[in-house]
Amino acid sequence: MSIMAIIVLAISMSMDAFAVSVGRGAAMGRPRFSEALRTGVVFGIVEAITPLIGWAAGVTAAAYISAVDHWIAFSLLAVVGLNMLYAAFKGGDEEQDSSRASMSFMVLIATAIGTSLDAMAVGVSLAFLEVNILVIAGAIGLATFLLSSGGMLVGRLIGARFGRLAEGTAGVALVVLGSSILYEHLTAAVG
């Protein structure tokens, strides 16, 4: 795989994490730089690990992973997305908003896993090619770290004023992303 192909793959695998990070940064109002880095690190590590898992699964048992990955992605993304939508429309005072928007670490992990399952599916497909999976996983992790951290800071520029709208939009985006993953897999199985 060429360097350009690896770069394109890494950036494309990072875009959903970037979109979620922009929404999260806006929903938090003015997240600290350390929070942007924490988000980037979590998303980057998870996004680097999932293609490795997919690659290992592809080498040993591709049929089992491909049979359930879309359901896992859909479930995680739908739950997190619906929770974000509920929080965006629920409203509340400013103190409640800031504590709600500073997602717990477990929700951050669940979101990272949900947005990175497509990288696991890519890892499965890479198992059938002659590639250096460590280089590709590292590139995906680095791109995701940079784009997620940057996304939080872009969201910060948008500010708290658009926080509810951004959080609701990110929630819808997660549900749509999960639904499209599920739809693609189910229609591919039929066709």
N, C-alpha and C. Protein backbone atom coordinates (compact mmCIF):
# COMPACT_ATOMS: atom_id res chain seq x y z
N MET A 1 0.86 -1.17 0.00
CA MET A 1 0.00 0.00 0.00
C MET A 1 0.90 1.23 0.00
N SER A 2 0.60 2.17 -0.88
CA SER A 2 1.43 3.38 -1.00
C SER A 2 1.21 4.31 0.19
N ILE A 3 2.16 5.22 0.37
CA ILE A 3 2.06 6.20 1.46
C ILE A 3 0.81 7.05 1.29
N MET A 4 0.52 7.45 0.06
CA MET A 4 -0.67 8.28 -0.21
C MET A 4 -1.94 7.50 0.15
N ALA A 5 -2.00 6.22 -0.18
CA ALA A 5 -3.17 5.41 0.15
C ALA A 5 -3.32 5.28 1.66
N ILE A 6 -2.22 5.15 2.37
CA ILE A 6 -2.27 5.06 3.84
C ILE A 6 -2.78 6.37 4.42
N ILE A 7 -2.32 7.50 3.89
CA ILE A 7 -2.77 8.81 4.38
C ILE A 7 -4.26 8.99 4.13
N VAL A 8 -4.71 8.67 2.94
CA VAL A 8 -6.14 8.80 2.62
C VAL A 8 -6.96 7.89 3.53
N LEU A 9 -6.52 6.66 3.71
CA LEU A 9 -7.22 5.72 4.58
C LEU A 9 -7.28 6.25 6.01
N ALA A 10 -6.14 6.74 6.52
CA ALA A 10 -6.08 7.24 7.89
C ALA A 10 -7.02 8.42 8.10
N ILE A 11 -7.03 9.35 7.16
CA ILE A 11 -7.91 10.52 7.29
C ILE A 11 -9.37 10.12 7.18
N SER A 12 -9.69 9.24 6.25
CA SER A 12 -11.09 8.84 6.10
C SER A 12 -11.60 8.07 7.32
N MET A 13 -10.73 7.28 7.93
CA MET A 13 -11.13 6.56 9.13
C MET A 13 -11.32 7.49 10.33
N SER A 14 -10.76 8.70 10.25
CA SER A 14 -10.80 9.66 11.36
C SER A 14 -11.95 10.65 11.27
N MET A 15 -12.62 10.73 10.15
CA MET A 15 -13.60 11.80 9.95
C MET A 15 -14.80 11.71 10.89
N ASP A 16 -15.28 10.52 11.19
CA ASP A 16 -16.42 10.43 12.10
C ASP A 16 -16.02 10.86 13.51
N ALA A 17 -14.81 10.52 13.94
CA ALA A 17 -14.33 10.97 15.25
C ALA A 17 -14.17 12.49 15.26
N PHE A 18 -13.73 13.07 14.15
CA PHE A 18 -13.61 14.52 14.03
C PHE A 18 -14.97 15.18 14.19
N ALA A 19 -15.98 14.66 13.49
CA ALA A 19 -17.32 15.25 13.55
C ALA A 19 -17.87 15.20 14.97
N VAL A 20 -17.70 14.07 15.64
CA VAL A 20 -18.18 13.94 17.02
C VAL A 20 -17.42 14.90 17.93
N SER A 21 -16.13 15.06 17.71
CA SER A 21 -15.32 15.95 18.54
C SER A 21 -15.72 17.41 18.37
N VAL A 22 -16.04 17.81 17.16
CA VAL A 22 -16.52 19.18 16.93
C VAL A 22 -17.80 19.41 17.73
N GLY A 23 -18.73 18.49 17.62
CA GLY A 23 -19.98 18.61 18.37
C GLY A 23 -19.76 18.62 19.87
N ARG A 24 -18.87 17.77 20.33
CA ARG A 24 -18.58 17.68 21.75
C ARG A 24 -17.92 18.97 22.25
N GLY A 25 -16.98 19.49 21.46
CA GLY A 25 -16.32 20.74 21.85
C GLY A 25 -17.29 21.91 21.93
N ALA A 26 -18.22 21.98 20.99
CA ALA A 26 -19.22 23.05 21.01
C ALA A 26 -20.19 22.86 22.17
N ALA A 27 -20.57 21.62 22.44
CA ALA A 27 -21.51 21.36 23.53
C ALA A 27 -20.90 21.69 24.88
N MET A 28 -19.58 21.56 25.00
CA MET A 28 -18.91 21.86 26.27
C MET A 28 -18.72 23.36 26.46
N GLY A 29 -18.94 24.12 25.41
CA GLY A 29 -18.79 25.57 25.52
C GLY A 29 -17.35 25.99 25.31
N ARG A 30 -16.55 25.91 26.31
CA ARG A 30 -15.14 26.29 26.22
C ARG A 30 -14.29 25.19 26.86
N PRO A 31 -14.17 24.06 26.17
CA PRO A 31 -13.36 22.98 26.75
C PRO A 31 -11.89 23.40 26.86
N ARG A 32 -11.25 22.91 27.89
CA ARG A 32 -9.83 23.20 28.08
C ARG A 32 -9.01 22.43 27.04
N PHE A 33 -7.81 22.93 26.80
CA PHE A 33 -6.89 22.26 25.88
C PHE A 33 -6.62 20.84 26.34
N SER A 34 -6.51 20.65 27.66
CA SER A 34 -6.26 19.30 28.19
C SER A 34 -7.42 18.35 27.86
N GLU A 35 -8.65 18.86 27.85
CA GLU A 35 -9.81 18.03 27.49
C GLU A 35 -9.77 17.67 26.01
N ALA A 36 -9.32 18.60 25.18
CA ALA A 36 -9.17 18.31 23.74
C ALA A 36 -8.11 17.24 23.53
N LEU A 37 -7.01 17.34 24.26
CA LEU A 37 -5.96 16.32 24.15
C LEU A 37 -6.44 14.96 24.66
N ARG A 38 -7.17 14.97 25.77
CA ARG A 38 -7.70 13.71 26.32
C ARG A 38 -8.62 13.04 25.32
N THR A 39 -9.50 13.83 24.71
CA THR A 39 -10.40 13.29 23.70
C THR A 39 -9.60 12.72 22.52
N GLY A 40 -8.61 13.48 22.06
CA GLY A 40 -7.77 13.02 20.96
C GLY A 40 -7.02 11.74 21.28
N VAL A 41 -6.48 11.66 22.49
CA VAL A 41 -5.74 10.45 22.90
C VAL A 41 -6.67 9.24 22.94
N VAL A 42 -7.85 9.39 23.56
CA VAL A 42 -8.78 8.27 23.66
C VAL A 42 -9.24 7.82 22.27
N PHE A 43 -9.68 8.77 21.45
CA PHE A 43 -10.12 8.42 20.10
C PHE A 43 -8.97 7.82 19.29
N GLY A 44 -7.78 8.41 19.40
CA GLY A 44 -6.63 7.93 18.64
C GLY A 44 -6.22 6.53 19.02
N ILE A 45 -6.16 6.24 20.32
CA ILE A 45 -5.77 4.90 20.77
C ILE A 45 -6.79 3.86 20.33
N VAL A 46 -8.07 4.16 20.56
CA VAL A 46 -9.10 3.20 20.16
C VAL A 46 -9.10 2.99 18.66
N GLU A 47 -8.95 4.08 17.91
CA GLU A 47 -8.96 3.99 16.45
C GLU A 47 -7.73 3.25 15.93
N ALA A 48 -6.62 3.27 16.65
CA ALA A 48 -5.43 2.52 16.26
C ALA A 48 -5.56 1.04 16.61
N ILE A 49 -6.25 0.74 17.70
CA ILE A 49 -6.38 -0.65 18.14
C ILE A 49 -7.38 -1.43 17.29
N THR A 50 -8.48 -0.79 16.90
CA THR A 50 -9.53 -1.54 16.20
C THR A 50 -9.11 -2.14 14.87
N PRO A 51 -8.28 -1.48 14.04
CA PRO A 51 -7.86 -2.18 12.82
C PRO A 51 -6.96 -3.38 13.13
N LEU A 52 -6.20 -3.27 14.23
CA LEU A 52 -5.37 -4.41 14.64
C LEU A 52 -6.25 -5.60 15.04
N ILE A 53 -7.31 -5.31 15.79
CA ILE A 53 -8.25 -6.36 16.17
C ILE A 53 -8.91 -6.94 14.93
N GLY A 54 -9.35 -6.05 14.05
CA GLY A 54 -9.98 -6.52 12.81
C GLY A 54 -9.04 -7.35 11.97
N TRP A 55 -7.77 -6.91 11.88
CA TRP A 55 -6.78 -7.64 11.11
C TRP A 55 -6.56 -9.03 11.71
N ALA A 56 -6.41 -9.09 13.04
CA ALA A 56 -6.23 -10.39 13.71
C ALA A 56 -7.45 -11.28 13.51
N ALA A 57 -8.62 -10.69 13.60
CA ALA A 57 -9.85 -11.45 13.38
C ALA A 57 -9.95 -11.91 11.94
N GLY A 58 -9.55 -11.05 11.02
CA GLY A 58 -9.58 -11.41 9.60
C GLY A 58 -8.65 -12.56 9.30
N VAL A 59 -7.52 -12.56 9.97
CA VAL A 59 -6.56 -13.65 9.78
C VAL A 59 -7.13 -14.96 10.32
N THR A 60 -7.85 -14.90 11.42
CA THR A 60 -8.32 -16.14 12.06
C THR A 60 -9.78 -16.49 11.79
N ALA A 61 -10.65 -15.48 11.80
CA ALA A 61 -12.07 -15.81 11.69
C ALA A 61 -12.89 -14.65 11.14
N ALA A 62 -12.65 -14.26 9.90
CA ALA A 62 -13.31 -13.11 9.31
C ALA A 62 -14.83 -13.22 9.32
N ALA A 63 -15.34 -14.38 9.12
CA ALA A 63 -16.79 -14.56 9.04
C ALA A 63 -17.49 -14.20 10.35
N TYR A 64 -16.86 -14.48 11.48
CA TYR A 64 -17.50 -14.20 12.77
C TYR A 64 -17.57 -12.71 13.05
N ILE A 65 -16.50 -11.98 12.78
CA ILE A 65 -16.50 -10.53 13.03
C ILE A 65 -17.44 -9.81 12.06
N SER A 66 -17.36 -10.17 10.80
CA SER A 66 -18.19 -9.47 9.82
C SER A 66 -19.67 -9.76 10.03
N ALA A 67 -19.97 -10.82 10.75
CA ALA A 67 -21.37 -11.16 11.00
C ALA A 67 -21.99 -10.28 12.08
N VAL A 68 -21.18 -9.68 12.95
CA VAL A 68 -21.75 -8.91 14.06
C VAL A 68 -21.25 -7.49 14.18
N ASP A 69 -20.21 -7.10 13.44
CA ASP A 69 -19.64 -5.77 13.66
C ASP A 69 -20.64 -4.65 13.41
N HIS A 70 -21.50 -4.82 12.44
CA HIS A 70 -22.47 -3.77 12.12
C HIS A 70 -23.51 -3.61 13.22
N TRP A 71 -23.88 -4.69 13.88
CA TRP A 71 -24.84 -4.61 14.99
C TRP A 71 -24.21 -3.92 16.20
N ILE A 72 -22.95 -4.23 16.47
CA ILE A 72 -22.24 -3.59 17.58
C ILE A 72 -22.11 -2.09 17.31
N ALA A 73 -21.67 -1.75 16.10
CA ALA A 73 -21.50 -0.33 15.74
C ALA A 73 -22.83 0.41 15.84
N PHE A 74 -23.88 -0.17 15.26
CA PHE A 74 -25.20 0.46 15.30
C PHE A 74 -25.66 0.67 16.74
N SER A 75 -25.55 -0.36 17.58
CA SER A 75 -26.02 -0.26 18.97
C SER A 75 -25.29 0.82 19.74
N LEU A 76 -23.96 0.79 19.68
CA LEU A 76 -23.18 1.79 20.42
C LEU A 76 -23.47 3.21 19.93
N LEU A 77 -23.45 3.39 18.62
CA LEU A 77 -23.67 4.73 18.07
C LEU A 77 -25.09 5.22 18.32
N ALA A 78 -26.06 4.34 18.20
CA ALA A 78 -27.45 4.75 18.43
C ALA A 78 -27.68 5.14 19.89
N VAL A 79 -27.17 4.36 20.82
CA VAL A 79 -27.36 4.68 22.25
C VAL A 79 -26.70 6.00 22.59
N VAL A 80 -25.45 6.18 22.17
CA VAL A 80 -24.75 7.43 22.47
C VAL A 80 -25.43 8.60 21.75
N GLY A 81 -25.81 8.41 20.48
CA GLY A 81 -26.46 9.47 19.71
C GLY A 81 -27.80 9.88 20.28
N LEU A 82 -28.61 8.89 20.66
CA LEU A 82 -29.92 9.20 21.25
C LEU A 82 -29.76 9.90 22.60
N ASN A 83 -28.76 9.49 23.36
CA ASN A 83 -28.49 10.15 24.63
C ASN A 83 -28.11 11.62 24.40
N MET A 84 -27.29 11.88 23.38
CA MET A 84 -26.91 13.26 23.05
C MET A 84 -28.13 14.07 22.60
N LEU A 85 -28.99 13.46 21.80
CA LEU A 85 -30.22 14.14 21.36
C LEU A 85 -31.11 14.48 22.55
N TYR A 86 -31.29 13.53 23.43
CA TYR A 86 -32.11 13.74 24.62
C TYR A 86 -31.55 14.90 25.45
N ALA A 87 -30.24 14.89 25.66
CA ALA A 87 -29.62 15.94 26.46
C ALA A 87 -29.74 17.30 25.78
N ALA A 88 -29.65 17.33 24.46
CA ALA A 88 -29.76 18.60 23.73
C ALA A 88 -31.16 19.20 23.83
N PHE A 89 -32.17 18.35 23.80
CA PHE A 89 -33.54 18.85 23.85
C PHE A 89 -34.08 19.01 25.26
N LYS A 90 -33.48 18.32 26.20
CA LYS A 90 -33.94 18.37 27.59
C LYS A 90 -33.77 19.75 28.19
N GLY A 91 -32.64 20.39 27.89
CA GLY A 91 -32.39 21.72 28.44
C GLY A 91 -31.93 21.63 29.87
N GLY A 92 -31.90 22.75 30.53
CA GLY A 92 -31.46 22.80 31.92
C GLY A 92 -30.63 24.04 32.14
N ASP A 93 -30.16 24.17 33.39
CA ASP A 93 -29.37 25.35 33.69
C ASP A 93 -27.93 25.18 33.19
N GLU A 94 -27.18 26.27 33.25
CA GLU A 94 -25.83 26.28 32.69
C GLU A 94 -24.90 25.31 33.40
N GLU A 95 -25.03 25.20 34.73
CA GLU A 95 -24.18 24.28 35.48
C GLU A 95 -24.46 22.84 35.07
N GLN A 96 -25.75 22.52 34.91
CA GLN A 96 -26.13 21.19 34.45
C GLN A 96 -25.58 20.93 33.06
N ASP A 97 -25.65 21.92 32.18
CA ASP A 97 -25.17 21.77 30.81
C ASP A 97 -23.68 21.45 30.78
N SER A 98 -22.88 22.17 31.59
CA SER A 98 -21.44 21.92 31.54
C SER A 98 -21.09 20.55 32.10
N SER A 99 -21.77 20.09 33.13
CA SER A 99 -21.47 18.76 33.65
C SER A 99 -21.95 17.68 32.69
N ARG A 100 -23.08 17.93 32.02
CA ARG A 100 -23.60 16.97 31.04
C ARG A 100 -22.67 16.90 29.84
N ALA A 101 -22.20 18.04 29.39
CA ALA A 101 -21.39 18.09 28.18
C ALA A 101 -20.00 17.51 28.40
N SER A 102 -19.49 17.54 29.62
CA SER A 102 -18.17 16.98 29.87
C SER A 102 -18.30 15.48 30.08
N MET A 103 -18.71 14.81 29.02
CA MET A 103 -18.99 13.38 29.03
C MET A 103 -18.10 12.61 29.98
N SER A 104 -18.69 11.61 30.62
CA SER A 104 -17.89 10.75 31.46
C SER A 104 -16.89 10.00 30.60
N PHE A 105 -15.88 9.51 31.25
CA PHE A 105 -14.83 8.78 30.54
C PHE A 105 -15.41 7.54 29.85
N MET A 106 -16.36 6.87 30.48
CA MET A 106 -16.94 5.66 29.89
C MET A 106 -17.76 6.00 28.63
N VAL A 107 -18.46 7.13 28.64
CA VAL A 107 -19.20 7.54 27.45
C VAL A 107 -18.22 7.91 26.34
N LEU A 108 -17.11 8.55 26.72
CA LEU A 108 -16.07 8.88 25.74
C LEU A 108 -15.52 7.61 25.11
N ILE A 109 -15.25 6.59 25.93
CA ILE A 109 -14.74 5.30 25.41
C ILE A 109 -15.79 4.66 24.50
N ALA A 110 -17.05 4.64 24.93
CA ALA A 110 -18.11 4.03 24.11
C ALA A 110 -18.25 4.74 22.77
N THR A 111 -18.16 6.07 22.79
CA THR A 111 -18.24 6.83 21.55
C THR A 111 -17.04 6.52 20.65
N ALA A 112 -15.86 6.45 21.25
CA ALA A 112 -14.66 6.12 20.48
C ALA A 112 -14.78 4.74 19.85
N ILE A 113 -15.28 3.78 20.60
CA ILE A 113 -15.45 2.43 20.06
C ILE A 113 -16.49 2.44 18.94
N GLY A 114 -17.60 3.11 19.18
CA GLY A 114 -18.65 3.16 18.17
C GLY A 114 -18.20 3.79 16.86
N THR A 115 -17.38 4.84 16.97
CA THR A 115 -16.93 5.50 15.74
C THR A 115 -15.75 4.79 15.09
N SER A 116 -15.16 3.81 15.78
CA SER A 116 -13.97 3.15 15.22
C SER A 116 -14.23 1.74 14.71
N LEU A 117 -15.45 1.27 14.82
CA LEU A 117 -15.72 -0.09 14.34
C LEU A 117 -15.58 -0.21 12.82
N ASP A 118 -15.72 0.89 12.11
CA ASP A 118 -15.46 0.82 10.67
C ASP A 118 -13.99 0.53 10.41
N ALA A 119 -13.12 1.02 11.30
CA ALA A 119 -11.69 0.71 11.17
C ALA A 119 -11.43 -0.77 11.44
N MET A 120 -12.24 -1.38 12.29
CA MET A 120 -12.11 -2.81 12.52
C MET A 120 -12.46 -3.58 11.25
N ALA A 121 -13.52 -3.14 10.59
CA ALA A 121 -13.91 -3.79 9.34
C ALA A 121 -12.82 -3.61 8.28
N VAL A 122 -12.19 -2.43 8.25
CA VAL A 122 -11.08 -2.21 7.33
C VAL A 122 -9.93 -3.14 7.68
N GLY A 123 -9.68 -3.30 8.98
CA GLY A 123 -8.63 -4.22 9.42
C GLY A 123 -8.86 -5.63 8.95
N VAL A 124 -10.13 -6.06 8.97
CA VAL A 124 -10.46 -7.40 8.47
C VAL A 124 -10.09 -7.50 6.99
N SER A 125 -10.45 -6.49 6.22
CA SER A 125 -10.13 -6.54 4.78
C SER A 125 -8.63 -6.46 4.53
N LEU A 126 -7.90 -5.73 5.38
CA LEU A 126 -6.45 -5.63 5.21
C LEU A 126 -5.75 -6.95 5.51
N ALA A 127 -6.40 -7.83 6.24
CA ALA A 127 -5.81 -9.12 6.54
C ALA A 127 -5.58 -9.95 5.28
N PHE A 128 -6.29 -9.62 4.22
CA PHE A 128 -6.18 -10.38 2.99
C PHE A 128 -5.22 -9.72 1.99
N LEU A 129 -4.58 -8.63 2.41
CA LEU A 129 -3.62 -7.93 1.56
C LEU A 129 -2.25 -8.02 2.21
N GLU A 130 -1.22 -7.81 1.44
CA GLU A 130 0.13 -7.77 1.99
C GLU A 130 0.45 -6.34 2.40
N VAL A 131 0.13 -6.02 3.66
CA VAL A 131 0.37 -4.67 4.19
C VAL A 131 1.02 -4.77 5.56
N ASN A 132 1.65 -3.69 5.95
CA ASN A 132 2.19 -3.60 7.31
C ASN A 132 1.10 -3.00 8.18
N ILE A 133 0.36 -3.84 8.88
CA ILE A 133 -0.79 -3.38 9.67
C ILE A 133 -0.38 -2.43 10.79
N LEU A 134 0.83 -2.57 11.31
CA LEU A 134 1.27 -1.67 12.39
C LEU A 134 1.44 -0.24 11.88
N VAL A 135 1.97 -0.09 10.68
CA VAL A 135 2.13 1.25 10.09
C VAL A 135 0.75 1.86 9.82
N ILE A 136 -0.14 1.07 9.27
CA ILE A 136 -1.48 1.57 8.95
C ILE A 136 -2.24 1.93 10.23
N ALA A 137 -2.20 1.05 11.23
CA ALA A 137 -2.89 1.34 12.50
C ALA A 137 -2.31 2.57 13.16
N GLY A 138 -0.98 2.73 13.12
CA GLY A 138 -0.35 3.92 13.68
C GLY A 138 -0.77 5.19 12.96
N ALA A 139 -0.85 5.11 11.64
CA ALA A 139 -1.28 6.27 10.85
C ALA A 139 -2.74 6.64 11.17
N ILE A 140 -3.59 5.63 11.28
CA ILE A 140 -5.00 5.89 11.63
C ILE A 140 -5.10 6.50 13.02
N GLY A 141 -4.35 5.95 13.97
CA GLY A 141 -4.38 6.49 15.34
C GLY A 141 -3.89 7.92 15.41
N LEU A 142 -2.79 8.22 14.70
CA LEU A 142 -2.24 9.58 14.70
C LEU A 142 -3.20 10.57 14.04
N ALA A 143 -3.75 10.19 12.90
CA ALA A 143 -4.71 11.08 12.22
C ALA A 143 -5.93 11.32 13.10
N THR A 144 -6.40 10.29 13.76
CA THR A 144 -7.57 10.44 14.63
C THR A 144 -7.25 11.33 15.83
N PHE A 145 -6.08 11.15 16.42
CA PHE A 145 -5.66 12.01 17.53
C PHE A 145 -5.65 13.47 17.10
N LEU A 146 -5.01 13.74 15.98
CA LEU A 146 -4.91 15.13 15.51
C LEU A 146 -6.28 15.72 15.15
N LEU A 147 -7.08 14.96 14.42
CA LEU A 147 -8.39 15.47 14.00
C LEU A 147 -9.37 15.59 15.16
N SER A 148 -9.33 14.67 16.11
CA SER A 148 -10.24 14.74 17.26
C SER A 148 -9.87 15.90 18.18
N SER A 149 -8.58 16.05 18.46
CA SER A 149 -8.14 17.18 19.29
C SER A 149 -8.49 18.50 18.59
N GLY A 150 -8.20 18.57 17.30
CA GLY A 150 -8.54 19.77 16.53
C GLY A 150 -10.04 20.00 16.47
N GLY A 151 -10.79 18.93 16.37
CA GLY A 151 -12.26 19.04 16.34
C GLY A 151 -12.81 19.64 17.62
N MET A 152 -12.24 19.23 18.76
CA MET A 152 -12.67 19.82 20.04
C MET A 152 -12.39 21.32 20.04
N LEU A 153 -11.24 21.71 19.52
CA LEU A 153 -10.88 23.13 19.51
C LEU A 153 -11.73 23.92 18.53
N VAL A 154 -12.07 23.32 17.39
CA VAL A 154 -13.00 23.97 16.45
C VAL A 154 -14.36 24.15 17.12
N GLY A 155 -14.80 23.11 17.81
CA GLY A 155 -16.06 23.20 18.54
C GLY A 155 -16.02 24.29 19.60
N ARG A 156 -14.86 24.45 20.20
CA ARG A 156 -14.68 25.50 21.21
C ARG A 156 -14.89 26.88 20.59
N LEU A 157 -14.43 27.07 19.36
CA LEU A 157 -14.60 28.35 18.68
C LEU A 157 -16.08 28.64 18.39
N ILE A 158 -16.81 27.57 18.13
CA ILE A 158 -18.25 27.73 17.88
C ILE A 158 -18.92 28.25 19.14
N GLY A 159 -18.50 27.75 20.30
CA GLY A 159 -18.95 28.25 21.58
C GLY A 159 -20.21 27.61 22.11
N ALA A 160 -20.50 27.93 23.35
CA ALA A 160 -21.64 27.36 24.07
C ALA A 160 -22.97 27.76 23.44
N ARG A 161 -22.99 28.90 22.77
CA ARG A 161 -24.21 29.41 22.16
C ARG A 161 -24.83 28.38 21.21
N PHE A 162 -23.96 27.69 20.48
CA PHE A 162 -24.42 26.69 19.53
C PHE A 162 -24.29 25.28 20.10
N GLY A 163 -23.99 25.18 21.39
CA GLY A 163 -23.74 23.89 22.01
C GLY A 163 -24.87 22.89 21.87
N ARG A 164 -26.08 23.31 22.19
CA ARG A 164 -27.23 22.39 22.09
C ARG A 164 -27.46 21.94 20.66
N LEU A 165 -27.40 22.89 19.75
CA LEU A 165 -27.58 22.55 18.33
C LEU A 165 -26.48 21.59 17.88
N ALA A 166 -25.24 21.89 18.25
CA ALA A 166 -24.12 21.03 17.86
C ALA A 166 -24.25 19.65 18.50
N GLU A 167 -24.65 19.60 19.76
CA GLU A 167 -24.80 18.31 20.42
C GLU A 167 -25.93 17.51 19.78
N GLY A 168 -27.03 18.18 19.48
CA GLY A 168 -28.14 17.49 18.80
C GLY A 168 -27.73 17.02 17.41
N THR A 169 -26.99 17.86 16.70
CA THR A 169 -26.51 17.48 15.37
C THR A 169 -25.55 16.30 15.45
N ALA A 170 -24.64 16.33 16.43
CA ALA A 170 -23.71 15.21 16.60
C ALA A 170 -24.47 13.94 16.98
N GLY A 171 -25.52 14.07 17.79
CA GLY A 171 -26.34 12.92 18.14
C GLY A 171 -27.01 12.32 16.92
N VAL A 172 -27.59 13.19 16.10
CA VAL A 172 -28.21 12.72 14.85
C VAL A 172 -27.16 12.07 13.96
N ALA A 173 -25.99 12.69 13.87
CA ALA A 173 -24.92 12.14 13.03
C ALA A 173 -24.50 10.75 13.49
N LEU A 174 -24.44 10.54 14.80
CA LEU A 174 -24.07 9.21 15.32
C LEU A 174 -25.14 8.18 14.99
N VAL A 175 -26.41 8.55 15.17
CA VAL A 175 -27.49 7.62 14.85
C VAL A 175 -27.50 7.31 13.36
N VAL A 176 -27.32 8.33 12.53
CA VAL A 176 -27.27 8.13 11.07
C VAL A 176 -26.08 7.27 10.69
N LEU A 177 -24.92 7.55 11.29
CA LEU A 177 -23.72 6.75 11.00
C LEU A 177 -23.96 5.28 11.37
N GLY A 178 -24.49 5.04 12.56
CA GLY A 178 -24.78 3.67 12.99
C GLY A 178 -25.80 3.01 12.08
N SER A 179 -26.83 3.74 11.71
CA SER A 179 -27.86 3.19 10.82
C SER A 179 -27.31 2.89 9.44
N SER A 180 -26.42 3.77 8.94
CA SER A 180 -25.85 3.52 7.61
C SER A 180 -24.92 2.31 7.62
N ILE A 181 -24.18 2.13 8.70
CA ILE A 181 -23.34 0.93 8.82
C ILE A 181 -24.21 -0.31 8.82
N LEU A 182 -25.28 -0.28 9.61
CA LEU A 182 -26.21 -1.41 9.66
C LEU A 182 -26.85 -1.65 8.31
N TYR A 183 -27.32 -0.59 7.66
CA TYR A 183 -27.98 -0.70 6.36
C TYR A 183 -27.03 -1.29 5.31
N GLU A 184 -25.80 -0.77 5.26
CA GLU A 184 -24.83 -1.26 4.28
C GLU A 184 -24.57 -2.76 4.46
N HIS A 185 -24.41 -3.19 5.68
CA HIS A 185 -24.14 -4.60 5.93
C HIS A 185 -25.35 -5.48 5.64
N LEU A 186 -26.54 -5.00 6.02
CA LEU A 186 -27.73 -5.81 5.79
C LEU A 186 -28.08 -5.89 4.30
N THR A 187 -27.92 -4.80 3.58
CA THR A 187 -28.23 -4.83 2.15
C THR A 187 -27.15 -5.60 1.37
N ALA A 188 -25.91 -5.54 1.85
CA ALA A 188 -24.85 -6.32 1.19
C ALA A 188 -25.09 -7.81 1.38
N ALA A 189 -25.65 -8.18 2.54
CA ALA A 189 -25.93 -9.59 2.81
C ALA A 189 -27.06 -10.10 1.93
N VAL A 190 -28.03 -9.22 1.64
CA VAL A 190 -29.17 -9.61 0.81
C VAL A 190 -28.76 -9.65 -0.67
N GLY A 191 -27.99 -8.65 -1.09
CA GLY A 191 -27.59 -8.51 -2.50
C GLY A 191 -26.44 -9.32 -2.82
